Amino acid sequence: MGIDIELRECVNENTLRYGIGELSEISSTKIQDQLILLEEYLQNFCMKQRQLKEQIKESNKLSISSVSSGAKVPRSQINLNTNTLKLYIEKRIQEIEKEH
């Protein structure tokens, strides 16, 4: 119920700011409910965008350590095989960073 109250307050602030007036003064309760549904959708949309932005930010951090960890190849093996594993990772990171 707390979320419903917060959404209602948020919608009320917006309707006042947009010159629509007090939410409670809108004659149709159906329109009031629809405004709340619209705000709920928009807030969820914004939250998903923030989450995606964070995921993109995290996925942009390519390094030998992140590749080693993500691929579950021990870092010690990469360090022991600098002419193959380490070289491969470094070259692929360079290619990927050029593409983006």
Protein backbone atom coordinates (compact mmCIF):
# COMPACT_ATOMS: atom_id res chain seq x y z
CA MET A 1 0.00 0.00 0.00
CA GLY A 2 2.93 2.34 0.61
CA ILE A 3 3.88 2.14 -3.04
CA ASP A 4 0.36 3.10 -4.09
CA ILE A 5 0.50 6.16 -1.84
CA GLU A 6 3.93 7.12 -3.20
CA LEU A 7 2.71 6.73 -6.79
CA ARG A 8 -0.41 8.77 -6.03
CA GLU A 9 1.72 11.54 -4.46
CA CYS A 10 4.10 11.49 -7.42
CA VAL A 11 1.25 11.70 -9.92
CA ASN A 12 -0.33 14.51 -7.89
CA GLU A 13 2.94 16.48 -7.94
CA ASN A 14 3.19 15.98 -11.69
CA THR A 15 -0.41 16.89 -12.43
CA LEU A 16 0.05 20.10 -10.44
CA ARG A 17 3.34 20.87 -12.21
CA TYR A 18 1.83 20.19 -15.64
CA GLY A 19 -1.16 22.44 -14.96
CA ILE A 20 -3.68 19.60 -14.80
CA GLY A 21 -4.56 20.31 -11.18
CA GLU A 22 -4.93 18.18 -8.06
CA LEU A 23 -5.23 14.47 -8.80
CA SER A 24 -8.14 14.17 -6.37
CA GLU A 25 -9.99 16.94 -8.20
CA ILE A 26 -10.04 15.06 -11.51
CA SER A 27 -13.68 14.10 -11.77
CA SER A 28 -13.16 10.63 -13.22
CA THR A 29 -11.68 8.06 -10.86
CA LYS A 30 -10.94 5.97 -13.95
CA ILE A 31 -8.68 8.77 -15.27
CA GLN A 32 -7.04 9.06 -11.83
CA ASP A 33 -6.34 5.32 -11.84
CA GLN A 34 -5.04 5.46 -15.40
CA LEU A 35 -2.68 8.30 -14.53
CA ILE A 36 -1.32 6.16 -11.69
CA LEU A 37 -0.91 3.20 -14.07
CA LEU A 38 0.94 5.44 -16.53
CA GLU A 39 3.28 6.69 -13.81
CA GLU A 40 3.93 3.17 -12.56
CA TYR A 41 4.86 2.06 -16.09
CA LEU A 42 7.10 5.08 -16.62
CA GLN A 43 8.90 4.54 -13.30
CA ASN A 44 9.45 0.86 -14.11
CA PHE A 45 10.73 1.82 -17.56
CA CYS A 46 13.21 4.28 -16.05
CA MET A 47 14.34 1.70 -13.50
CA LYS A 48 14.98 -0.85 -16.26
CA GLN A 49 16.94 1.75 -18.22
CA ARG A 50 19.14 2.46 -15.18
CA GLN A 51 19.72 -1.27 -14.69
CA LEU A 52 20.65 -1.73 -18.35
CA LYS A 53 22.97 1.25 -18.18
CA GLU A 54 24.76 -0.33 -15.21
CA GLN A 55 24.99 -3.67 -16.98
CA ILE A 56 26.47 -1.99 -20.05
CA LYS A 57 28.90 -0.08 -17.88
CA GLU A 58 30.03 -3.29 -16.19
CA SER A 59 30.31 -5.20 -19.46
CA ASN A 60 32.57 -2.49 -20.90
CA LYS A 61 35.28 -3.31 -18.38
CA LEU A 62 37.25 -5.86 -20.35
CA SER A 63 40.56 -6.86 -18.88
CA ILE A 64 42.63 -9.99 -18.63
CA SER A 65 41.24 -10.50 -15.12
CA SER A 66 37.60 -10.05 -16.13
CA VAL A 67 37.98 -12.39 -19.12
CA SER A 68 39.80 -14.95 -16.99
CA SER A 69 37.12 -14.84 -14.34
CA GLY A 70 34.21 -14.79 -16.79
CA ALA A 71 35.59 -17.66 -18.86
CA LYS A 72 36.59 -19.59 -15.73
CA VAL A 73 40.17 -19.97 -16.96
CA PRO A 74 42.56 -19.62 -14.02
CA ARG A 75 44.68 -16.51 -14.14
CA SER A 76 47.70 -18.66 -13.30
CA GLN A 77 47.19 -20.58 -16.56
CA ILE A 78 47.00 -17.34 -18.51
CA ASN A 79 50.20 -16.12 -16.87
CA LEU A 80 51.95 -19.41 -17.66
CA ASN A 81 50.87 -19.24 -21.29
CA THR A 82 51.67 -15.67 -22.26
CA ASN A 83 52.30 -16.53 -25.92
CA THR A 84 48.90 -18.13 -26.38
CA LEU A 85 46.20 -17.44 -23.78
CA LYS A 86 47.36 -14.01 -22.66
CA LEU A 87 48.18 -12.89 -26.20
CA TYR A 88 44.81 -14.11 -27.43
CA ILE A 89 42.93 -12.22 -24.72
CA GLU A 90 44.91 -9.01 -25.29
CA LYS A 91 44.34 -9.11 -29.06
CA ARG A 92 40.63 -9.86 -28.70
CA ILE A 93 40.18 -7.04 -26.20
CA GLN A 94 41.88 -4.67 -28.65
CA GLU A 95 39.59 -5.82 -31.47
CA ILE A 96 36.47 -5.53 -29.36
CA GLU A 97 37.41 -2.06 -28.09
CA LYS A 98 38.04 -0.88 -31.68
CA GLU A 99 34.56 -2.09 -32.67
CA HIS A 100 32.93 -0.11 -29.88
